[in-house]
Amino acid sequence: MTTVTAPASAGPTWLDAVRAERQKLFSVRSTWWTLAAIVVLGAGLTTIICAASADWLASDDADEAVGSFITWGMMIAQVGAVVLGALAVTTEYGSGQIRSTFAATPARGRVLAAKALVVTVVLFVAGTVTALLGYVGGNWFLDREGIGMALEGDVLRSMYGSGLYLAGLGLMSVGAGFILRHTAGVISLLLALVFVLSAMAPLIPGVVGEWIEKLMPGNAGASIATPVAFNPGLLDPWPGYGAFVVEIAVVLAVAWILVKRRDA
């Protein structure tokens, strides 16, 4: 009699890990509330700012470019991207569920990569949609003053650039989440980098201060999300985003090492 031995299970595949992380992300209310806040606040504030500023922007007194306002609301939407990226990781550490996740998927690097992919795709879509809705709403008021902007060139780039920027912030938050494993710590750190330290960098004198300002994550990455930056001294959109990607890669590399070496 011949005995047939079933092959041992190879464990969850890469697609299994991605599906699991997608289900976990969308199974909690905080994800939906955060995405709603990104869209409503991002698109809504762009529309409101354009409505309030259209008359001034069309006048001879205007000292800012119209293109600086067409994605203005993304400055607020970036907070939601940081929160979503952080919660995708830290809630599991806070509840202890991360131990079950690592038990189900022993290849811990696969868990990190799956979370990163899901958060990146979700925030890219959310950011692009938000920017487009803000453009439609805001440009309606600009058109009434004869200063509307066509959806082409730098304006078009700022639409998907907004998605790229929010995706990058979420990805950096995922990495920071695996490093710090604490929701408040991750959100505080990332918001400090994006808002506080970026604003304080110009206080450093000389060329060193200029480059620190240019390379702060909130400055380097955000240039791609606007047709015309408010600060002309920042890096151009694609070089700036390239620097931002390098910074994200460093955070993820540290997270990858710590995830493999530390206990859950």
Protein backbone atom coordinates (compact mmCIF):
# COMPACT_ATOMS: atom_id res chain seq x y z
CA MET A 1 0.00 0.00 0.00
CA THR A 2 1.36 3.41 -0.99
CA THR A 3 1.10 6.25 1.53
CA VAL A 4 0.70 9.75 0.12
CA THR A 5 2.12 12.47 2.29
CA ALA A 6 0.62 15.95 1.85
CA PRO A 7 3.20 18.65 1.34
CA ALA A 8 3.73 20.97 4.28
CA SER A 9 2.06 24.34 3.99
CA ALA A 10 4.39 27.09 2.88
CA GLY A 11 2.49 29.58 5.00
CA PRO A 12 0.68 32.71 3.83
CA THR A 13 1.75 34.03 0.45
CA TRP A 14 2.52 37.65 -0.36
CA LEU A 15 -1.01 38.13 -1.74
CA ASP A 16 -2.48 36.57 1.39
CA ALA A 17 -0.60 39.11 3.51
CA VAL A 18 -1.81 41.99 1.33
CA ARG A 19 -5.43 40.81 1.51
CA ALA A 20 -5.19 40.45 5.28
CA GLU A 21 -3.80 43.97 5.71
CA ARG A 22 -6.45 45.41 3.41
CA GLN A 23 -9.21 43.73 5.40
CA LYS A 24 -7.77 44.91 8.71
CA LEU A 25 -7.39 48.49 7.49
CA PHE A 26 -10.96 48.78 6.24
CA SER A 27 -12.56 46.85 9.08
CA VAL A 28 -12.10 49.70 11.58
CA ARG A 29 -14.08 52.94 11.69
CA SER A 30 -10.99 55.10 12.17
CA THR A 31 -9.91 54.37 8.58
CA TRP A 32 -13.19 55.57 7.12
CA TRP A 33 -13.32 58.64 9.34
CA THR A 34 -9.74 59.55 8.47
CA LEU A 35 -10.30 59.13 4.73
CA ALA A 36 -13.49 61.22 4.97
CA ALA A 37 -11.58 63.95 6.80
CA ILE A 38 -8.85 63.93 4.14
CA VAL A 39 -11.35 64.37 1.31
CA VAL A 40 -13.73 66.80 2.99
CA LEU A 41 -11.12 69.03 4.60
CA GLY A 42 -8.66 68.87 1.71
CA ALA A 43 -11.12 69.59 -1.09
CA GLY A 44 -13.33 71.83 1.05
CA LEU A 45 -10.55 74.11 2.24
CA THR A 46 -9.13 74.45 -1.27
CA THR A 47 -12.57 75.54 -2.47
CA ILE A 48 -13.06 77.97 0.42
CA ILE A 49 -9.61 79.54 0.07
CA CYS A 50 -10.01 79.97 -3.68
CA ALA A 51 -13.47 81.49 -3.18
CA ALA A 52 -12.14 83.92 -0.58
CA SER A 53 -9.00 84.84 -2.52
CA ALA A 54 -10.20 84.89 -6.15
CA ASP A 55 -11.00 88.61 -6.20
CA TRP A 56 -7.65 89.50 -4.65
CA LEU A 57 -5.71 87.13 -6.91
CA ALA A 58 -7.29 88.78 -9.96
CA SER A 59 -6.27 92.26 -8.78
CA ASP A 60 -3.01 94.11 -9.29
CA ASP A 61 -2.34 93.91 -5.55
CA ALA A 62 -1.84 90.13 -5.59
CA ASP A 63 1.69 89.09 -4.69
CA GLU A 64 1.10 85.32 -4.85
CA ALA A 65 0.60 83.02 -7.85
CA VAL A 66 -2.84 81.58 -8.50
CA GLY A 67 -1.27 78.13 -8.73
CA SER A 68 -0.23 78.29 -5.08
CA PHE A 69 -3.88 78.15 -4.02
CA ILE A 70 -5.36 75.43 -6.24
CA THR A 71 -4.18 72.62 -3.90
CA TRP A 72 -4.10 74.67 -0.68
CA GLY A 73 -6.27 72.21 1.23
CA MET A 74 -3.68 69.46 0.86
CA MET A 75 -1.71 71.16 3.64
CA ILE A 76 -4.44 70.01 6.02
CA ALA A 77 -5.08 66.69 4.27
CA GLN A 78 -1.50 65.64 5.01
CA VAL A 79 -2.40 65.36 8.71
CA GLY A 80 -4.89 62.62 7.81
CA ALA A 81 -2.23 60.77 5.83
CA VAL A 82 0.08 60.72 8.85
CA VAL A 83 -2.73 59.51 11.12
CA LEU A 84 -3.82 56.73 8.76
CA GLY A 85 -0.28 55.45 8.26
CA ALA A 86 0.37 55.44 11.98
CA LEU A 87 -2.88 53.71 12.93
CA ALA A 88 -2.33 50.98 10.34
CA VAL A 89 0.58 49.78 12.50
CA THR A 90 0.34 51.07 16.05
CA THR A 91 -3.21 49.93 16.80
CA GLU A 92 -2.01 46.33 16.45
CA TYR A 93 0.84 46.94 18.86
CA GLY A 94 -1.49 48.67 21.30
CA SER A 95 -4.03 45.82 21.29
CA GLY A 96 -1.47 43.03 21.13
CA GLN A 97 -2.89 41.80 17.83
CA ILE A 98 0.54 42.16 16.25
CA ARG A 99 1.56 38.88 17.93
CA SER A 100 -1.22 37.07 16.10
CA THR A 101 -0.24 38.78 12.86
CA PHE A 102 3.38 37.66 13.18
CA ALA A 103 2.29 34.16 14.20
CA ALA A 104 0.14 33.89 11.08
CA THR A 105 2.87 35.39 8.89
CA PRO A 106 6.26 34.44 10.37
CA ALA A 107 8.06 36.37 7.62
CA ARG A 108 7.78 39.70 9.44
CA GLY A 109 9.24 41.70 6.60
CA ARG A 110 6.30 40.53 4.50
CA VAL A 111 3.89 42.05 7.04
CA LEU A 112 5.69 45.39 6.88
CA ALA A 113 5.73 45.34 3.08
CA ALA A 114 2.04 44.40 2.87
CA LYS A 115 0.99 47.19 5.23
CA ALA A 116 3.17 49.65 3.31
CA LEU A 117 1.64 48.67 -0.03
CA VAL A 118 -1.96 48.89 1.18
CA VAL A 119 -1.47 52.28 2.87
CA THR A 120 0.41 53.64 -0.16
CA VAL A 121 -2.30 52.67 -2.66
CA VAL A 122 -5.16 53.91 -0.46
CA LEU A 123 -3.54 57.28 0.20
CA PHE A 124 -2.46 57.78 -3.40
CA VAL A 125 -6.05 57.33 -4.54
CA ALA A 126 -7.45 59.45 -1.70
CA GLY A 127 -4.91 62.23 -2.28
CA THR A 128 -5.47 62.38 -6.02
CA VAL A 129 -9.26 62.36 -5.68
CA THR A 130 -9.10 65.06 -3.00
CA ALA A 131 -6.89 67.29 -5.12
CA LEU A 132 -9.17 66.87 -8.15
CA LEU A 133 -12.29 67.70 -6.14
CA GLY A 134 -10.57 70.76 -4.70
CA TYR A 135 -9.52 71.82 -8.19
CA VAL A 136 -13.07 71.53 -9.53
CA GLY A 137 -14.49 73.50 -6.61
CA GLY A 138 -11.76 76.11 -6.36
CA ASN A 139 -11.30 76.65 -10.07
CA TRP A 140 -15.00 77.47 -10.43
CA PHE A 141 -14.44 80.63 -8.39
CA LEU A 142 -11.17 81.42 -10.16
CA ASP A 143 -12.89 81.10 -13.55
CA ARG A 144 -15.46 83.70 -12.51
CA GLU A 145 -12.60 86.18 -12.07
CA GLY A 146 -10.98 85.21 -15.36
CA ILE A 147 -7.99 83.52 -13.75
CA GLY A 148 -9.03 79.87 -13.97
CA MET A 149 -6.35 77.23 -14.54
CA ALA A 150 -6.50 74.47 -17.16
CA LEU A 151 -6.00 70.89 -15.98
CA GLU A 152 -2.68 70.43 -17.75
CA GLY A 153 1.04 70.86 -17.20
CA ASP A 154 1.99 71.70 -13.62
CA VAL A 155 -1.64 71.80 -12.53
CA LEU A 156 -2.19 68.23 -13.71
CA ARG A 157 1.08 67.16 -12.10
CA SER A 158 -0.06 68.66 -8.79
CA MET A 159 -3.18 66.48 -8.86
CA TYR A 160 -1.42 63.11 -8.94
CA GLY A 161 1.48 64.76 -7.10
CA SER A 162 -0.88 65.29 -4.18
CA GLY A 163 -1.58 61.56 -4.21
CA LEU A 164 2.14 60.81 -4.32
CA TYR A 165 2.82 63.17 -1.42
CA LEU A 166 0.10 61.75 0.83
CA ALA A 167 1.19 58.21 -0.07
CA GLY A 168 4.77 59.12 0.89
CA LEU A 169 3.68 60.57 4.22
CA GLY A 170 1.62 57.47 4.97
CA LEU A 171 4.55 55.23 4.05
CA MET A 172 6.88 57.17 6.34
CA SER A 173 4.30 56.87 9.12
CA VAL A 174 4.12 53.10 8.61
CA GLY A 175 7.90 52.87 9.02
CA ALA A 176 7.83 55.12 12.08
CA GLY A 177 5.00 53.01 13.48
CA PHE A 178 7.12 49.86 13.42
CA ILE A 179 10.02 51.78 14.98
CA LEU A 180 8.17 53.56 17.80
CA ARG A 181 5.15 51.22 18.19
CA HIS A 182 3.17 54.04 19.82
CA THR A 183 0.35 55.97 18.13
CA ALA A 184 0.83 59.34 19.83
CA GLY A 185 4.60 59.16 19.42
CA VAL A 186 4.42 58.50 15.68
CA ILE A 187 1.82 61.18 14.98
CA SER A 188 3.62 63.75 17.13
CA LEU A 189 6.99 63.04 15.50
CA LEU A 190 5.71 63.17 11.93
CA LEU A 191 3.62 66.30 12.46
CA ALA A 192 6.59 67.98 14.13
CA LEU A 193 8.76 67.14 11.11
CA VAL A 194 6.15 68.33 8.62
CA PHE A 195 4.98 71.50 10.33
CA VAL A 196 7.15 72.63 13.25
CA LEU A 197 10.71 71.75 12.28
CA SER A 198 10.12 72.67 8.62
CA ALA A 199 9.04 76.14 9.76
CA MET A 200 11.98 76.49 12.16
CA ALA A 201 14.68 75.40 9.69
CA PRO A 202 15.03 78.90 8.13
CA LEU A 203 16.22 80.15 11.53
CA ILE A 204 19.49 78.25 10.99
CA PRO A 205 21.90 80.69 9.31
CA GLY A 206 23.87 80.16 6.14
CA VAL A 207 23.90 77.52 3.46
CA VAL A 208 23.45 74.73 6.00
CA GLY A 209 20.16 76.22 7.10
CA GLU A 210 19.00 76.62 3.50
CA TRP A 211 19.62 72.96 2.72
CA ILE A 212 18.06 71.72 5.93
CA GLU A 213 14.96 73.72 5.02
CA LYS A 214 14.89 72.25 1.52
CA LEU A 215 15.36 68.67 2.71
CA MET A 216 12.86 68.61 5.57
CA PRO A 217 10.23 65.98 4.62
CA GLY A 218 7.35 68.46 4.67
CA ASN A 219 9.20 70.76 2.27
CA ALA A 220 10.92 68.27 -0.02
CA GLY A 221 7.82 66.17 -0.60
CA ALA A 222 5.17 68.87 -0.75
CA SER A 223 6.58 70.68 -3.79
CA ILE A 224 5.16 68.04 -6.09
CA ALA A 225 1.65 68.68 -4.73
CA THR A 226 1.33 72.28 -5.92
CA PRO A 227 1.74 73.97 -9.32
CA VAL A 228 3.61 76.88 -7.71
CA ALA A 229 5.15 76.61 -4.25
CA PHE A 230 4.61 79.45 -1.79
CA ASN A 231 8.34 79.25 -0.95
CA PRO A 232 10.42 79.75 -4.13
CA GLY A 233 13.57 78.64 -2.33
CA LEU A 234 12.52 74.98 -2.11
CA LEU A 235 13.67 72.21 -4.42
CA ASP A 236 11.89 71.71 -7.72
CA PRO A 237 9.01 69.20 -7.59
CA TRP A 238 10.69 66.03 -8.87
CA PRO A 239 14.14 66.53 -7.25
CA GLY A 240 12.34 67.38 -4.02
CA TYR A 241 10.20 64.28 -4.20
CA GLY A 242 13.30 62.23 -4.98
CA ALA A 243 14.88 63.47 -1.74
CA PHE A 244 11.63 62.67 0.07
CA VAL A 245 11.70 59.10 -1.29
CA VAL A 246 15.26 58.64 -0.01
CA GLU A 247 14.15 59.80 3.45
CA ILE A 248 11.23 57.37 3.37
CA ALA A 249 13.56 54.55 2.33
CA VAL A 250 15.86 55.24 5.29
CA VAL A 251 12.93 55.10 7.76
CA LEU A 252 11.63 51.86 6.21
CA ALA A 253 15.08 50.29 6.27
CA VAL A 254 15.42 50.98 9.99
CA ALA A 255 11.90 49.64 10.55
CA TRP A 256 12.69 46.48 8.56
CA ILE A 257 15.77 45.76 10.69
CA LEU A 258 13.97 46.36 13.98
CA VAL A 259 10.92 44.30 13.00
CA LYS A 260 13.14 41.29 12.34
CA ARG A 261 15.24 41.68 15.51
CA ARG A 262 12.79 42.79 18.22
CA ASP A 263 10.17 40.80 20.01
CA ALA A 264 6.56 41.58 19.16
